[in-house]
PDB file of N, CA and C in Angstrom:
ATOM      1  N   ALA A   1     -14.852  12.841  -8.990  1.00  0.00           N
ATOM      2  CA  ALA A   1     -14.621  11.465  -9.427  1.00  0.00           C
ATOM      3  C   ALA A   1     -15.094  10.512  -8.342  1.00  0.00           C
ATOM      4  N   ASP A   2     -15.745   9.450  -8.764  1.00  0.00           N
ATOM      5  CA  ASP A   2     -16.225   8.424  -7.842  1.00  0.00           C
ATOM      6  C   ASP A   2     -15.460   7.118  -8.000  1.00  0.00           C
ATOM      7  N   TYR A   3     -14.630   7.038  -9.033  1.00  0.00           N
ATOM      8  CA  TYR A   3     -13.923   5.796  -9.354  1.00  0.00           C
ATOM      9  C   TYR A   3     -12.425   6.056  -9.435  1.00  0.00           C
ATOM     10  N   VAL A   4     -11.656   5.072  -8.928  1.00  0.00           N
ATOM     11  CA  VAL A   4     -10.199   5.098  -9.061  1.00  0.00           C
ATOM     12  C   VAL A   4      -9.815   3.786  -9.740  1.00  0.00           C
ATOM     13  N   PHE A   5      -9.112   3.894 -10.852  1.00  0.00           N
ATOM     14  CA  PHE A   5      -8.627   2.716 -11.573  1.00  0.00           C
ATOM     15  C   PHE A   5      -7.112   2.714 -11.504  1.00  0.00           C
ATOM     16  N   ILE A   6      -6.562   1.687 -10.879  1.00  0.00           N
ATOM     17  CA  ILE A   6      -5.106   1.568 -10.777  1.00  0.00           C
ATOM     18  C   ILE A   6      -4.669   0.489 -11.757  1.00  0.00           C
ATOM     19  N   LEU A   7      -4.052   0.927 -12.836  1.00  0.00           N
ATOM     20  CA  LEU A   7      -3.630   0.018 -13.901  1.00  0.00           C
ATOM     21  C   LEU A   7      -2.162  -0.344 -13.799  1.00  0.00           C
ATOM     22  N   ASP A   8      -1.385   0.529 -13.194  1.00  0.00           N
ATOM     23  CA  ASP A   8       0.060   0.355 -13.096  1.00  0.00           C
ATOM     24  C   ASP A   8       0.459   0.579 -11.637  1.00  0.00           C
ATOM     25  N   PRO A   9       0.562  -0.495 -10.838  1.00  0.00           N
ATOM     26  CA  PRO A   9       0.835  -0.310  -9.406  1.00  0.00           C
ATOM     27  C   PRO A   9       2.229   0.254  -9.151  1.00  0.00           C
ATOM     28  N   TRP A  10       2.341   1.014  -8.077  1.00  0.00           N
ATOM     29  CA  TRP A  10       3.613   1.602  -7.647  1.00  0.00           C
ATOM     30  C   TRP A  10       4.261   0.691  -6.617  1.00  0.00           C
ATOM     31  N   TRP A  11       5.586   0.731  -6.547  1.00  0.00           N
ATOM     32  CA  TRP A  11       6.307  -0.038  -5.528  1.00  0.00           C
ATOM     33  C   TRP A  11       5.963   0.471  -4.143  1.00  0.00           C
ATOM     34  N   ASN A  12       5.710   1.765  -4.044  1.00  0.00           N
ATOM     35  CA  ASN A  12       5.398   2.387  -2.759  1.00  0.00           C
ATOM     36  C   ASN A  12       3.879   2.491  -2.609  1.00  0.00           C
ATOM     37  N   PRO A  13       3.281   1.753  -1.663  1.00  0.00           N
ATOM     38  CA  PRO A  13       1.828   1.783  -1.520  1.00  0.00           C
ATOM     39  C   PRO A  13       1.288   3.155  -1.126  1.00  0.00           C
ATOM     40  N   ALA A  14       2.117   4.009  -0.562  1.00  0.00           N
ATOM     41  CA  ALA A  14       1.659   5.345  -0.160  1.00  0.00           C
ATOM     42  C   ALA A  14       1.263   6.189  -1.368  1.00  0.00           C
ATOM     43  N   VAL A  15       1.906   5.960  -2.506  1.00  0.00           N
ATOM     44  CA  VAL A  15       1.587   6.719  -3.716  1.00  0.00           C
ATOM     45  C   VAL A  15       0.169   6.390  -4.181  1.00  0.00           C
ATOM     46  N   GLU A  16      -0.161   5.103  -4.177  1.00  0.00           N
ATOM     47  CA  GLU A  16      -1.520   4.699  -4.556  1.00  0.00           C
ATOM     48  C   GLU A  16      -2.539   5.210  -3.546  1.00  0.00           C
ATOM     49  N   GLN A  17      -2.194   5.135  -2.273  1.00  0.00           N
ATOM     50  CA  GLN A  17      -3.114   5.595  -1.244  1.00  0.00           C
ATOM     51  C   GLN A  17      -3.396   7.082  -1.400  1.00  0.00           C
ATOM     52  N   GLN A  18      -2.405   7.849  -1.801  1.00  0.00           N
ATOM     53  CA  GLN A  18      -2.603   9.278  -2.019  1.00  0.00           C
ATOM     54  C   GLN A  18      -3.596   9.511  -3.159  1.00  0.00           C
ATOM     55  N   ALA A  19      -3.503   8.737  -4.220  1.00  0.00           N
ATOM     56  CA  ALA A  19      -4.441   8.864  -5.338  1.00  0.00           C
ATOM     57  C   ALA A  19      -5.868   8.530  -4.886  1.00  0.00           C
ATOM     58  N   ILE A  20      -5.990   7.512  -4.058  1.00  0.00           N
ATOM     59  CA  ILE A  20      -7.299   7.127  -3.532  1.00  0.00           C
ATOM     60  C   ILE A  20      -7.830   8.204  -2.597  1.00  0.00           C
ATOM     61  N   ASP A  21      -6.968   8.738  -1.749  1.00  0.00           N
ATOM     62  CA  ASP A  21      -7.388   9.778  -0.801  1.00  0.00           C
ATOM     63  C   ASP A  21      -7.857  11.041  -1.512  1.00  0.00           C
ATOM     64  N   ARG A  22      -7.294  11.334  -2.668  1.00  0.00           N
ATOM     65  CA  ARG A  22      -7.737  12.514  -3.427  1.00  0.00           C
ATOM     66  C   ARG A  22      -9.199  12.376  -3.841  1.00  0.00           C
ATOM     67  N   THR A  23      -9.648  11.152  -4.071  1.00  0.00           N
ATOM     68  CA  THR A  23     -11.040  10.920  -4.440  1.00  0.00           C
ATOM     69  C   THR A  23     -11.947  11.124  -3.231  1.00  0.00           C
ATOM     70  N   HIS A  24     -11.450  10.831  -2.042  1.00  0.00           N
ATOM     71  CA  HIS A  24     -12.203  11.032  -0.796  1.00  0.00           C
ATOM     72  C   HIS A  24     -12.014  12.469  -0.312  1.00  0.00           C
ATOM     73  N   ARG A  25     -12.193  13.406  -1.199  1.00  0.00           N
ATOM     74  CA  ARG A  25     -11.947  14.814  -0.890  1.00  0.00           C
ATOM     75  C   ARG A  25     -13.088  15.418  -0.064  1.00  0.00           C
ATOM     76  N   ILE A  26     -12.856  16.600   0.443  1.00  0.00           N
ATOM     77  CA  ILE A  26     -13.888  17.333   1.174  1.00  0.00           C
ATOM     78  C   ILE A  26     -15.042  17.599   0.219  1.00  0.00           C
ATOM     79  N   GLY A  27     -16.239  17.344   0.676  1.00  0.00           N
ATOM     80  CA  GLY A  27     -17.423  17.554  -0.144  1.00  0.00           C
ATOM     81  C   GLY A  27     -17.870  16.313  -0.902  1.00  0.00           C
ATOM     82  N   GLN A  28     -17.061  15.273  -0.881  1.00  0.00           N
ATOM     83  CA  GLN A  28     -17.435  14.030  -1.569  1.00  0.00           C
ATOM     84  C   GLN A  28     -18.536  13.349  -0.770  1.00  0.00           C
ATOM     85  N   ASP A  29     -19.695  13.196  -1.358  1.00  0.00           N
ATOM     86  CA  ASP A  29     -20.805  12.566  -0.641  1.00  0.00           C
ATOM     87  C   ASP A  29     -21.246  11.271  -1.310  1.00  0.00           C
ATOM     88  N   LYS A  30     -20.539  10.859  -2.358  1.00  0.00           N
ATOM     89  CA  LYS A  30     -20.859   9.605  -3.045  1.00  0.00           C
ATOM     90  C   LYS A  30     -19.879   8.522  -2.604  1.00  0.00           C
ATOM     91  N   LYS A  31     -20.293   7.265  -2.777  1.00  0.00           N
ATOM     92  CA  LYS A  31     -19.383   6.155  -2.523  1.00  0.00           C
ATOM     93  C   LYS A  31     -18.261   6.200  -3.553  1.00  0.00           C
ATOM     94  N   VAL A  32     -17.071   5.838  -3.113  1.00  0.00           N
ATOM     95  CA  VAL A  32     -15.907   5.803  -3.994  1.00  0.00           C
ATOM     96  C   VAL A  32     -15.559   4.340  -4.255  1.00  0.00           C
ATOM     97  N   PHE A  33     -15.318   4.019  -5.509  1.00  0.00           N
ATOM     98  CA  PHE A  33     -14.985   2.660  -5.908  1.00  0.00           C
ATOM     99  C   PHE A  33     -13.555   2.634  -6.424  1.00  0.00           C
ATOM    100  N   ILE A  34     -12.767   1.693  -5.886  1.00  0.00           N
ATOM    101  CA  ILE A  34     -11.369   1.564  -6.274  1.00  0.00           C
ATOM    102  C   ILE A  34     -11.182   0.208  -6.943  1.00  0.00           C
ATOM    103  N   TYR A  35     -10.614   0.215  -8.135  1.00  0.00           N
ATOM    104  CA  TYR A  35     -10.346  -1.013  -8.874  1.00  0.00           C
ATOM    105  C   TYR A  35      -8.857  -1.099  -9.176  1.00  0.00           C
ATOM    106  N   LYS A  36      -8.271  -2.254  -8.825  1.00  0.00           N
ATOM    107  CA  LYS A  36      -6.876  -2.528  -9.174  1.00  0.00           C
ATOM    108  C   LYS A  36      -6.887  -3.663 -10.193  1.00  0.00           C
ATOM    109  N   PHE A  37      -6.237  -3.440 -11.308  1.00  0.00           N
ATOM    110  CA  PHE A  37      -6.156  -4.451 -12.353  1.00  0.00           C
ATOM    111  C   PHE A  37      -4.806  -5.148 -12.241  1.00  0.00           C
ATOM    112  N   ILE A  38      -4.840  -6.402 -11.797  1.00  0.00           N
ATOM    113  CA  ILE A  38      -3.613  -7.179 -11.613  1.00  0.00           C
ATOM    114  C   ILE A  38      -3.774  -8.506 -12.358  1.00  0.00           C
ATOM    115  N   ALA A  39      -2.921  -8.764 -13.334  1.00  0.00           N
ATOM    116  CA  ALA A  39      -2.952 -10.018 -14.068  1.00  0.00           C
ATOM    117  C   ALA A  39      -2.129 -11.065 -13.319  1.00  0.00           C
ATOM    118  N   LYS A  40      -2.597 -12.282 -13.374  1.00  0.00           N
ATOM    119  CA  LYS A  40      -1.917 -13.383 -12.697  1.00  0.00           C
ATOM    120  C   LYS A  40      -0.554 -13.664 -13.343  1.00  0.00           C
ATOM    121  N   ASP A  41       0.413 -14.020 -12.490  1.00  0.00           N
ATOM    122  CA  ASP A  41       1.766 -14.377 -12.927  1.00  0.00           C
ATOM    123  C   ASP A  41       2.470 -13.245 -13.688  1.00  0.00           C
ATOM    124  N   THR A  42       2.328 -12.024 -13.198  1.00  0.00           N
ATOM    125  CA  THR A  42       2.991 -10.867 -13.800  1.00  0.00           C
ATOM    126  C   THR A  42       3.788 -10.132 -12.727  1.00  0.00           C
ATOM    127  N   VAL A  43       4.598  -9.181 -13.176  1.00  0.00           N
ATOM    128  CA  VAL A  43       5.361  -8.373 -12.226  1.00  0.00           C
ATOM    129  C   VAL A  43       4.409  -7.568 -11.331  1.00  0.00           C
ATOM    130  N   GLU A  44       3.255  -7.178 -11.878  1.00  0.00           N
ATOM    131  CA  GLU A  44       2.287  -6.423 -11.086  1.00  0.00           C
ATOM    132  C   GLU A  44       1.798  -7.231  -9.880  1.00  0.00           C
ATOM    133  N   GLU A  45       1.656  -8.532 -10.058  1.00  0.00           N
ATOM    134  CA  GLU A  45       1.249  -9.404  -8.955  1.00  0.00           C
ATOM    135  C   GLU A  45       2.329  -9.419  -7.863  1.00  0.00           C
ATOM    136  N   LYS A  46       3.583  -9.407  -8.277  1.00  0.00           N
ATOM    137  CA  LYS A  46       4.690  -9.366  -7.314  1.00  0.00           C
ATOM    138  C   LYS A  46       4.746  -8.017  -6.607  1.00  0.00           C
ATOM    139  N   ILE A  47       4.453  -6.949  -7.347  1.00  0.00           N
ATOM    140  CA  ILE A  47       4.417  -5.619  -6.732  1.00  0.00           C
ATOM    141  C   ILE A  47       3.315  -5.555  -5.686  1.00  0.00           C
ATOM    142  N   LEU A  48       2.153  -6.124  -5.987  1.00  0.00           N
ATOM    143  CA  LEU A  48       1.044  -6.140  -5.037  1.00  0.00           C
ATOM    144  C   LEU A  48       1.439  -6.891  -3.757  1.00  0.00           C
ATOM    145  N   ALA A  49       2.113  -8.017  -3.902  1.00  0.00           N
ATOM    146  CA  ALA A  49       2.579  -8.775  -2.731  1.00  0.00           C
ATOM    147  C   ALA A  49       3.567  -7.942  -1.913  1.00  0.00           C
ATOM    148  N   LEU A  50       4.476  -7.253  -2.593  1.00  0.00           N
ATOM    149  CA  LEU A  50       5.443  -6.399  -1.904  1.00  0.00           C
ATOM    150  C   LEU A  50       4.729  -5.252  -1.177  1.00  0.00           C
ATOM    151  N   GLN A  51       3.748  -4.643  -1.835  1.00  0.00           N
ATOM    152  CA  GLN A  51       2.974  -3.570  -1.199  1.00  0.00           C
ATOM    153  C   GLN A  51       2.309  -4.075   0.081  1.00  0.00           C
ATOM    154  N   ASN A  52       1.703  -5.255   0.015  1.00  0.00           N
ATOM    155  CA  ASN A  52       1.028  -5.806   1.190  1.00  0.00           C
ATOM    156  C   ASN A  52       2.007  -6.068   2.320  1.00  0.00           C
ATOM    157  N   ARG A  53       3.192  -6.542   1.973  1.00  0.00           N
ATOM    158  CA  ARG A  53       4.225  -6.785   2.989  1.00  0.00           C
ATOM    159  C   ARG A  53       4.672  -5.472   3.635  1.00  0.00           C
ATOM    160  N   LYS A  54       4.873  -4.446   2.806  1.00  0.00           N
ATOM    161  CA  LYS A  54       5.280  -3.136   3.322  1.00  0.00           C
ATOM    162  C   LYS A  54       4.195  -2.554   4.239  1.00  0.00           C
ATOM    163  N   LYS A  55       2.937  -2.666   3.829  1.00  0.00           N
ATOM    164  CA  LYS A  55       1.843  -2.144   4.651  1.00  0.00           C
ATOM    165  C   LYS A  55       1.797  -2.856   5.998  1.00  0.00           C
ATOM    166  N   SER A  56       1.968  -4.171   5.963  1.00  0.00           N
ATOM    167  CA  SER A  56       1.947  -4.949   7.203  1.00  0.00           C
ATOM    168  C   SER A  56       3.094  -4.547   8.126  1.00  0.00           C
ATOM    169  N   LEU A  57       4.286  -4.404   7.576  1.00  0.00           N
ATOM    170  CA  LEU A  57       5.431  -3.992   8.383  1.00  0.00           C
ATOM    171  C   LEU A  57       5.228  -2.586   8.959  1.00  0.00           C
ATOM    172  N   ALA A  58       4.711  -1.676   8.147  1.00  0.00           N
ATOM    173  CA  ALA A  58       4.485  -0.309   8.619  1.00  0.00           C
ATOM    174  C   ALA A  58       3.440  -0.290   9.735  1.00  0.00           C
ATOM    175  N   ARG A  59       2.361  -1.059   9.564  1.00  0.00           N
ATOM    176  CA  ARG A  59       1.330  -1.133  10.614  1.00  0.00           C
ATOM    177  C   ARG A  59       1.928  -1.670  11.913  1.00  0.00           C
ATOM    178  N   SER A  60       2.753  -2.685  11.795  1.00  0.00           N
ATOM    179  CA  SER A  60       3.382  -3.269  12.976  1.00  0.00           C
ATOM    180  C   SER A  60       4.302  -2.279  13.674  1.00  0.00           C
ATOM    181  N   LEU A  61       5.012  -1.491  12.893  1.00  0.00           N
ATOM    182  CA  LEU A  61       5.900  -0.487  13.477  1.00  0.00           C
ATOM    183  C   LEU A  61       5.117   0.528  14.310  1.00  0.00           C
ATOM    184  N   ILE A  62       3.975   0.889  13.837  1.00  0.00           N
ATOM    185  CA  ILE A  62       3.177   1.929  14.490  1.00  0.00           C
ATOM    186  C   ILE A  62       2.451   1.400  15.719  1.00  0.00           C
ATOM    187  N   THR A  63       2.068   0.136  15.700  1.00  0.00           N
ATOM    188  CA  THR A  63       1.162  -0.357  16.738  1.00  0.00           C
ATOM    189  C   THR A  63       1.781  -1.287  17.780  1.00  0.00           C
ATOM    190  N   THR A  64       3.045  -1.602  17.688  1.00  0.00           N
ATOM    191  CA  THR A  64       3.596  -2.560  18.645  1.00  0.00           C
ATOM    192  C   THR A  64       4.685  -1.944  19.512  1.00  0.00           C
ATOM    193  N   GLU A  65       5.136  -2.756  20.442  1.00  0.00           N
ATOM    194  CA  GLU A  65       6.130  -2.302  21.419  1.00  0.00           C
ATOM    195  C   GLU A  65       7.549  -2.388  20.868  1.00  0.00           C
ATOM    196  N   GLU A  66       8.476  -2.026  21.716  1.00  0.00           N
ATOM    197  CA  GLU A  66       9.891  -2.017  21.354  1.00  0.00           C
ATOM    198  C   GLU A  66      10.374  -3.399  20.915  1.00  0.00           C
ATOM    199  N   SER A  67       9.797  -4.461  21.430  1.00  0.00           N
ATOM    200  CA  SER A  67      10.252  -5.804  21.074  1.00  0.00           C
ATOM    201  C   SER A  67      10.101  -6.080  19.582  1.00  0.00           C
ATOM    202  N   PHE A  68       9.162  -5.409  18.950  1.00  0.00           N
ATOM    203  CA  PHE A  68       8.994  -5.587  17.507  1.00  0.00           C
ATOM    204  C   PHE A  68      10.259  -5.154  16.770  1.00  0.00           C
ATOM    205  N   PHE A  69      10.830  -4.032  17.167  1.00  0.00           N
ATOM    206  CA  PHE A  69      12.026  -3.532  16.497  1.00  0.00           C
ATOM    207  C   PHE A  69      13.161  -4.532  16.573  1.00  0.00           C
ATOM    208  N   LYS A  70      13.267  -5.239  17.688  1.00  0.00           N
ATOM    209  CA  LYS A  70      14.324  -6.221  17.849  1.00  0.00           C
ATOM    210  C   LYS A  70      14.117  -7.425  16.935  1.00  0.00           C
ATOM    211  N   SER A  71      12.854  -7.679  16.539  1.00  0.00           N
ATOM    212  CA  SER A  71      12.561  -8.842  15.698  1.00  0.00           C
ATOM    213  C   SER A  71      12.724  -8.565  14.209  1.00  0.00           C
ATOM    214  N   LEU A  72      12.953  -7.308  13.816  1.00  0.00           N
ATOM    215  CA  LEU A  72      13.106  -6.969  12.400  1.00  0.00           C
ATOM    216  C   LEU A  72      14.459  -7.437  11.866  1.00  0.00           C
ATOM    217  N   SER A  73      14.416  -8.022  10.706  1.00  0.00           N
ATOM    218  CA  SER A  73      15.668  -8.392  10.039  1.00  0.00           C
ATOM    219  C   SER A  73      16.167  -7.198   9.225  1.00  0.00           C
ATOM    220  N   LYS A  74      17.387  -7.285   8.751  1.00  0.00           N
ATOM    221  CA  LYS A  74      17.928  -6.222   7.899  1.00  0.00           C
ATOM    222  C   LYS A  74      17.083  -6.081   6.639  1.00  0.00           C
ATOM    223  N   ASP A  75      16.604  -7.211   6.097  1.00  0.00           N
ATOM    224  CA  ASP A  75      15.768  -7.169   4.892  1.00  0.00           C
ATOM    225  C   ASP A  75      14.444  -6.461   5.162  1.00  0.00           C
ATOM    226  N   ASP A  76      13.853  -6.697   6.345  1.00  0.00           N
ATOM    227  CA  ASP A  76      12.607  -6.012   6.704  1.00  0.00           C
ATOM    228  C   ASP A  76      12.807  -4.501   6.735  1.00  0.00           C
ATOM    229  N   ILE A  77      13.874  -4.071   7.354  1.00  0.00           N
ATOM    230  CA  ILE A  77      14.162  -2.635   7.459  1.00  0.00           C
ATOM    231  C   ILE A  77      14.434  -2.056   6.070  1.00  0.00           C
ATOM    232  N   ARG A  78      15.179  -2.776   5.249  1.00  0.00           N
ATOM    233  CA  ARG A  78      15.471  -2.324   3.881  1.00  0.00           C
ATOM    234  C   ARG A  78      14.177  -2.190   3.075  1.00  0.00           C
ATOM    235  N   ASP A  79      13.256  -3.165   3.228  1.00  0.00           N
ATOM    236  CA  ASP A  79      11.971  -3.106   2.519  1.00  0.00           C
ATOM    237  C   ASP A  79      11.152  -1.897   2.946  1.00  0.00           C
ATOM    238  N   LEU A  80      11.186  -1.582   4.214  1.00  0.00           N
ATOM    239  CA  LEU A  80      10.424  -0.432   4.705  1.00  0.00           C
ATOM    240  C   LEU A  80      10.951   0.882   4.146  1.00  0.00           C
ATOM    241  N   LEU A  81      12.249   0.939   3.919  1.00  0.00           N
ATOM    242  CA  LEU A  81      12.860   2.193   3.483  1.00  0.00           C
ATOM    243  C   LEU A  81      12.936   2.350   1.968  1.00  0.00           C
ATOM    244  N   LYS A  82      12.500   1.348   1.221  1.00  0.00           N
ATOM    245  CA  LYS A  82      12.524   1.439  -0.252  1.00  0.00           C
ATOM    246  C   LYS A  82      11.522   2.446  -0.732  1.00  0.00           C
TER     247      LYS A  82
END
Protein backbone atom coordinates (compact mmCIF):
# COMPACT_ATOMS: atom_id res chain seq x y z
CA ALA A 1 0.00 0.00 0.00
CA ASP A 2 1.21 3.48 -0.87
CA TYR A 3 -1.75 5.41 0.55
CA VAL A 4 -3.19 5.81 4.04
CA PHE A 5 -6.67 7.31 4.38
CA ILE A 6 -7.70 8.29 7.89
CA LEU A 7 -11.45 8.85 7.91
CA ASP A 8 -12.15 8.38 11.60
CA PRO A 9 -9.42 9.89 13.82
CA TRP A 10 -8.48 8.24 17.12
CA TRP A 11 -8.17 10.10 20.42
CA ASN A 12 -4.72 8.56 20.79
CA PRO A 13 -2.36 9.79 18.04
CA ALA A 14 -0.14 6.72 18.52
CA VAL A 15 -2.85 4.50 17.01
CA GLU A 16 -2.87 6.52 13.80
CA GLN A 17 0.91 6.65 13.74
CA GLN A 18 1.02 2.86 13.96
CA ALA A 19 -1.25 2.59 10.90
CA ILE A 20 1.02 4.99 9.01
CA ASP A 21 4.16 3.14 10.12
CA ARG A 22 2.74 -0.13 8.77
CA THR A 23 2.76 1.46 5.31
CA HIS A 24 6.45 2.39 5.77
CA ARG A 25 7.28 -1.30 6.04
CA ILE A 26 10.55 -3.02 5.18
CA GLY A 27 10.89 -3.23 1.43
CA GLN A 28 8.70 -0.20 0.75
CA ASP A 29 10.47 1.76 -1.96
CA LYS A 30 7.59 4.00 -3.07
CA LYS A 31 6.52 7.32 -1.58
CA VAL A 32 3.73 6.95 0.96
CA PHE A 33 0.84 9.41 0.94
CA ILE A 34 -1.24 10.03 4.06
CA TYR A 35 -4.62 11.75 3.86
CA LYS A 36 -6.70 12.81 6.86
CA PHE A 37 -10.29 13.78 6.15
CA ILE A 38 -11.41 16.36 8.72
CA ALA A 39 -14.59 18.40 8.24
CA LYS A 40 -14.72 21.89 9.68
CA ASP A 41 -16.68 22.44 12.92
CA THR A 42 -16.98 18.73 13.74
CA VAL A 43 -15.89 16.51 16.60
CA GLU A 44 -13.13 15.21 14.32
CA GLU A 45 -11.65 18.72 14.20
CA LYS A 46 -11.60 18.78 18.01
CA ILE A 47 -9.96 15.34 18.08
CA LEU A 48 -7.26 16.59 15.70
CA ALA A 49 -6.58 19.57 18.00
CA LEU A 50 -6.37 17.23 21.00
CA GLN A 51 -3.99 14.92 19.10
CA ASN A 52 -1.72 17.86 18.28
CA ARG A 53 -1.71 18.96 21.91
CA LYS A 54 -0.86 15.43 23.08
CA LYS A 55 1.96 15.14 20.53
CA SER A 56 3.39 18.48 21.62
CA LEU A 57 3.27 17.53 25.30
CA ALA A 58 4.86 14.14 24.61
CA ARG A 59 7.65 15.73 22.55
CA SER A 60 8.31 18.20 25.35
CA LEU A 61 8.48 15.41 27.91
CA ILE A 62 11.12 13.60 25.90
CA THR A 63 13.28 16.56 24.96
CA THR A 64 13.37 18.94 27.91
CA GLU A 65 14.84 19.16 31.37
CA GLU A 66 13.34 18.52 34.78
CA SER A 67 11.92 22.06 34.91
CA PHE A 68 9.37 21.06 32.29
CA PHE A 69 7.82 18.54 34.67
CA LYS A 70 7.34 21.26 37.27
CA SER A 71 5.47 23.40 34.72
CA LEU A 72 2.87 20.70 33.89
CA SER A 73 -0.61 21.23 35.21
CA LYS A 74 -2.81 18.38 36.42
CA ASP A 75 -4.82 18.73 33.19
CA ASP A 76 -1.64 18.38 31.09
CA ILE A 77 -0.70 15.17 32.89
CA ARG A 78 -4.27 13.84 32.60
CA ASP A 79 -4.25 14.57 28.84
CA LEU A 80 -1.00 12.70 28.39
CA LEU A 81 -2.34 9.64 30.16
CA LYS A 82 -5.67 9.44 28.29
